[in-house]
């Protein structure tokens, strides 16, 4: 019962936040052929100009993952009209699971983070000195895009899945 009440409260909060942002253009699929721009090391998402095109609507995800509404990686991608769903799949079963035992459709084990990011941000576009370790052919796998570009992790987890298999490994 308490979980349902908190879900209702979070839903009301998200709806209120979305209602406050009605001046944003409607979301749609990312159609730009341009790769996403990376922020300089001293830049934050708040320092960039307001978006000039559609902004991804991630409100469905923010019902439970409200911490990502201001998280750098999520904000930068949403402003480029790249939604959570475009990286993590529709995750309908995950979104509808009040017990939170169903994983998102797509998760990224550490070894798959950089290759996935480089699908949209190819080496030719990000070849700067700060990326030397990531782009090195002898990359040890210890440095990931998300180490510098956002803290795209939950601060507290009640569930944890094996990101390669999707199997539940921690249950509260």
Protein backbone atom coordinates (compact mmCIF):
# COMPACT_ATOMS: atom_id res chain seq x y z
CA UNK A 1 0.00 0.00 0.00
CA UNK A 2 2.81 2.40 0.90
CA UNK A 3 4.54 1.68 -2.42
CA UNK A 4 1.35 2.51 -4.34
CA UNK A 5 0.99 5.77 -2.40
CA UNK A 6 4.60 6.76 -3.18
CA UNK A 7 4.08 5.84 -6.84
CA UNK A 8 1.00 8.08 -6.89
CA UNK A 9 2.91 10.93 -5.22
CA UNK A 10 5.81 10.60 -7.67
CA UNK A 11 3.39 10.51 -10.59
CA UNK A 12 1.73 13.73 -9.41
CA UNK A 13 5.15 15.39 -9.01
CA UNK A 14 6.26 14.33 -12.48
CA UNK A 15 2.99 15.49 -14.03
CA UNK A 16 3.40 18.84 -12.28
CA UNK A 17 6.98 19.19 -13.54
CA UNK A 18 5.95 18.28 -17.08
CA UNK A 19 3.05 20.74 -16.91
CA UNK A 20 5.50 23.49 -15.92
CA UNK A 21 7.57 22.73 -18.99
CA UNK A 22 4.71 22.96 -21.50
CA UNK A 23 6.58 25.68 -23.38
CA UNK A 24 9.02 23.03 -24.64
CA UNK A 25 8.44 21.70 -28.15
CA UNK A 26 6.87 18.24 -28.43
CA UNK A 27 9.25 15.32 -28.55
CA UNK A 28 9.77 13.03 -31.48
CA UNK A 29 12.46 10.76 -32.86
CA UNK A 30 15.96 12.16 -33.18
CA UNK A 31 16.27 13.01 -36.86
CA UNK A 32 19.48 15.01 -36.96
CA UNK A 33 22.33 13.45 -38.86
CA UNK A 34 24.72 15.48 -36.72
CA UNK A 35 26.36 13.63 -33.82
CA UNK A 36 25.64 14.89 -30.33
CA UNK A 37 28.00 17.62 -29.20
CA UNK A 38 30.13 16.89 -26.19
CA UNK A 39 30.50 19.41 -23.41
CA UNK A 40 33.95 20.75 -22.70
CA UNK A 41 35.43 19.71 -19.37
CA UNK A 42 34.56 23.01 -17.68
CA UNK A 43 31.07 23.20 -19.19
CA UNK A 44 27.87 21.82 -17.71
CA UNK A 45 24.51 21.17 -19.29
CA UNK A 46 23.15 24.29 -17.61
CA UNK A 47 25.80 26.43 -19.37
CA UNK A 48 24.56 25.59 -22.85
CA UNK A 49 22.02 27.61 -24.79
CA UNK A 50 18.35 26.62 -24.66
CA UNK A 51 17.42 23.88 -27.12
CA UNK A 52 16.23 25.09 -30.50
CA UNK A 53 14.50 21.88 -31.55
CA UNK A 54 12.43 19.11 -30.02
CA UNK A 55 13.38 17.87 -26.55
CA UNK A 56 12.94 14.21 -25.61
CA UNK A 57 10.07 13.50 -23.24
CA UNK A 58 11.47 11.23 -20.53
CA UNK A 59 8.63 11.85 -18.06
CA UNK A 60 7.64 8.18 -18.16
CA UNK A 61 11.08 7.25 -16.81
CA UNK A 62 11.24 10.11 -14.32
CA UNK A 63 8.25 8.71 -12.43
CA UNK A 64 10.71 6.39 -10.68
CA UNK A 65 14.06 7.80 -11.82
CA UNK A 66 13.48 11.47 -11.00
CA UNK A 67 17.18 11.84 -10.12
CA UNK A 68 17.95 11.69 -13.86
CA UNK A 69 15.89 14.77 -14.63
CA UNK A 70 18.91 16.92 -13.73
CA UNK A 71 21.69 14.37 -14.40
CA UNK A 72 24.16 15.68 -17.00
CA UNK A 73 24.13 12.76 -19.43
CA UNK A 74 20.32 12.51 -19.45
CA UNK A 75 19.87 16.29 -19.78
CA UNK A 76 22.33 16.67 -22.66
CA UNK A 77 20.80 13.78 -24.56
CA UNK A 78 17.20 14.92 -23.91
CA UNK A 79 18.07 18.40 -25.21
CA UNK A 80 19.31 16.70 -28.38
CA UNK A 81 15.99 14.80 -28.55
CA UNK A 82 17.59 11.49 -27.55
CA UNK A 83 15.28 9.78 -25.07
CA UNK A 84 16.01 7.21 -22.38
CA UNK A 85 14.10 4.75 -24.56
CA UNK A 86 16.51 5.18 -27.48
CA UNK A 87 19.35 3.77 -25.37
CA UNK A 88 17.49 1.48 -22.96
CA UNK A 89 14.62 0.28 -25.15
CA UNK A 90 10.91 0.84 -24.45
CA UNK A 91 11.16 -1.21 -21.23
CA UNK A 92 7.38 -1.50 -20.96
CA UNK A 93 7.55 -4.46 -18.56
CA UNK A 94 10.10 -2.59 -16.40
CA UNK A 95 7.91 0.54 -16.29
CA UNK A 96 4.82 -1.44 -15.38
CA UNK A 97 6.45 -3.54 -12.64
CA UNK A 98 5.51 -2.09 -9.26
CA UNK A 99 7.69 -4.67 -7.51
CA UNK A 100 10.67 -3.50 -9.56
CA UNK A 101 11.99 -6.97 -10.32
CA UNK A 102 11.90 -6.59 -14.11
CA UNK A 103 15.05 -5.03 -15.60
CA UNK A 104 15.06 -2.43 -18.36
CA UNK A 105 15.15 -3.93 -21.86
CA UNK A 106 18.76 -2.84 -22.42
CA UNK A 107 21.49 -2.39 -19.80
CA UNK A 108 25.18 -1.90 -20.35
CA UNK A 109 27.84 -3.98 -18.64
CA UNK A 110 31.03 -1.93 -18.28
CA UNK A 111 32.65 -3.45 -21.39
CA UNK A 112 29.74 -2.30 -23.59
CA UNK A 113 29.46 1.32 -22.40
CA UNK A 114 32.15 2.87 -24.61
CA UNK A 115 31.32 0.93 -27.78
CA UNK A 116 27.66 1.90 -27.43
CA UNK A 117 28.45 5.59 -26.86
CA UNK A 118 30.79 5.57 -29.84
CA UNK A 119 27.95 4.39 -32.05
CA UNK A 120 26.70 7.99 -32.05
CA UNK A 121 29.96 9.70 -31.06
CA UNK A 122 32.52 8.15 -33.44
CA UNK A 123 36.26 8.45 -32.85
CA UNK A 124 36.63 11.04 -35.62
CA UNK A 125 34.27 13.39 -33.78
CA UNK A 126 35.65 12.96 -30.25
CA UNK A 127 39.38 12.59 -30.89
CA UNK A 128 40.68 15.12 -28.35
CA UNK A 129 43.47 14.75 -25.77
CA UNK A 130 41.03 14.17 -22.91
CA UNK A 131 39.80 11.01 -24.68
CA UNK A 132 43.26 9.54 -25.28
CA UNK A 133 42.82 6.64 -22.83
CA UNK A 134 39.37 5.70 -24.12
CA UNK A 135 40.44 5.83 -27.75
CA UNK A 136 43.75 4.01 -27.24
CA UNK A 137 43.78 0.60 -28.86
CA UNK A 138 45.25 -0.84 -25.65
CA UNK A 139 42.39 0.54 -23.55
CA UNK A 140 42.33 -1.37 -20.29
CA UNK A 141 38.59 -0.92 -19.98
CA UNK A 142 38.90 0.98 -16.72
CA UNK A 143 37.86 4.36 -18.11
CA UNK A 144 34.32 4.82 -19.34
CA UNK A 145 32.49 7.68 -21.05
CA UNK A 146 30.23 8.04 -18.01
CA UNK A 147 33.20 8.62 -15.71
CA UNK A 148 33.43 12.16 -17.11
CA UNK A 149 30.10 12.69 -18.88
CA UNK A 150 27.50 12.50 -16.13
CA UNK A 151 26.95 10.24 -13.17
CA UNK A 152 24.50 7.96 -14.93
CA UNK A 153 23.97 5.63 -11.98
CA UNK A 154 21.40 5.34 -9.26
CA UNK A 155 22.68 6.56 -5.89
CA UNK A 156 20.68 3.92 -4.06
CA UNK A 157 19.35 0.67 -5.46
CA UNK A 158 16.72 -1.63 -4.03
CA UNK A 159 17.31 -4.07 -6.89
CA UNK A 160 20.35 -4.93 -8.94
CA UNK A 161 20.52 -6.98 -12.11
CA UNK A 162 23.38 -8.62 -13.93
CA UNK A 163 23.64 -6.18 -16.81
CA UNK A 164 24.74 -8.84 -19.28
CA UNK A 165 21.98 -11.37 -18.53
CA UNK A 166 19.22 -9.25 -16.95
CA UNK A 167 18.96 -11.69 -14.03
CA UNK A 168 18.09 -10.27 -10.62
CA UNK A 169 21.12 -10.56 -8.32
CA UNK A 170 20.10 -8.31 -5.41
CA UNK A 171 16.59 -8.13 -4.01
CA UNK A 172 16.42 -5.43 -1.34
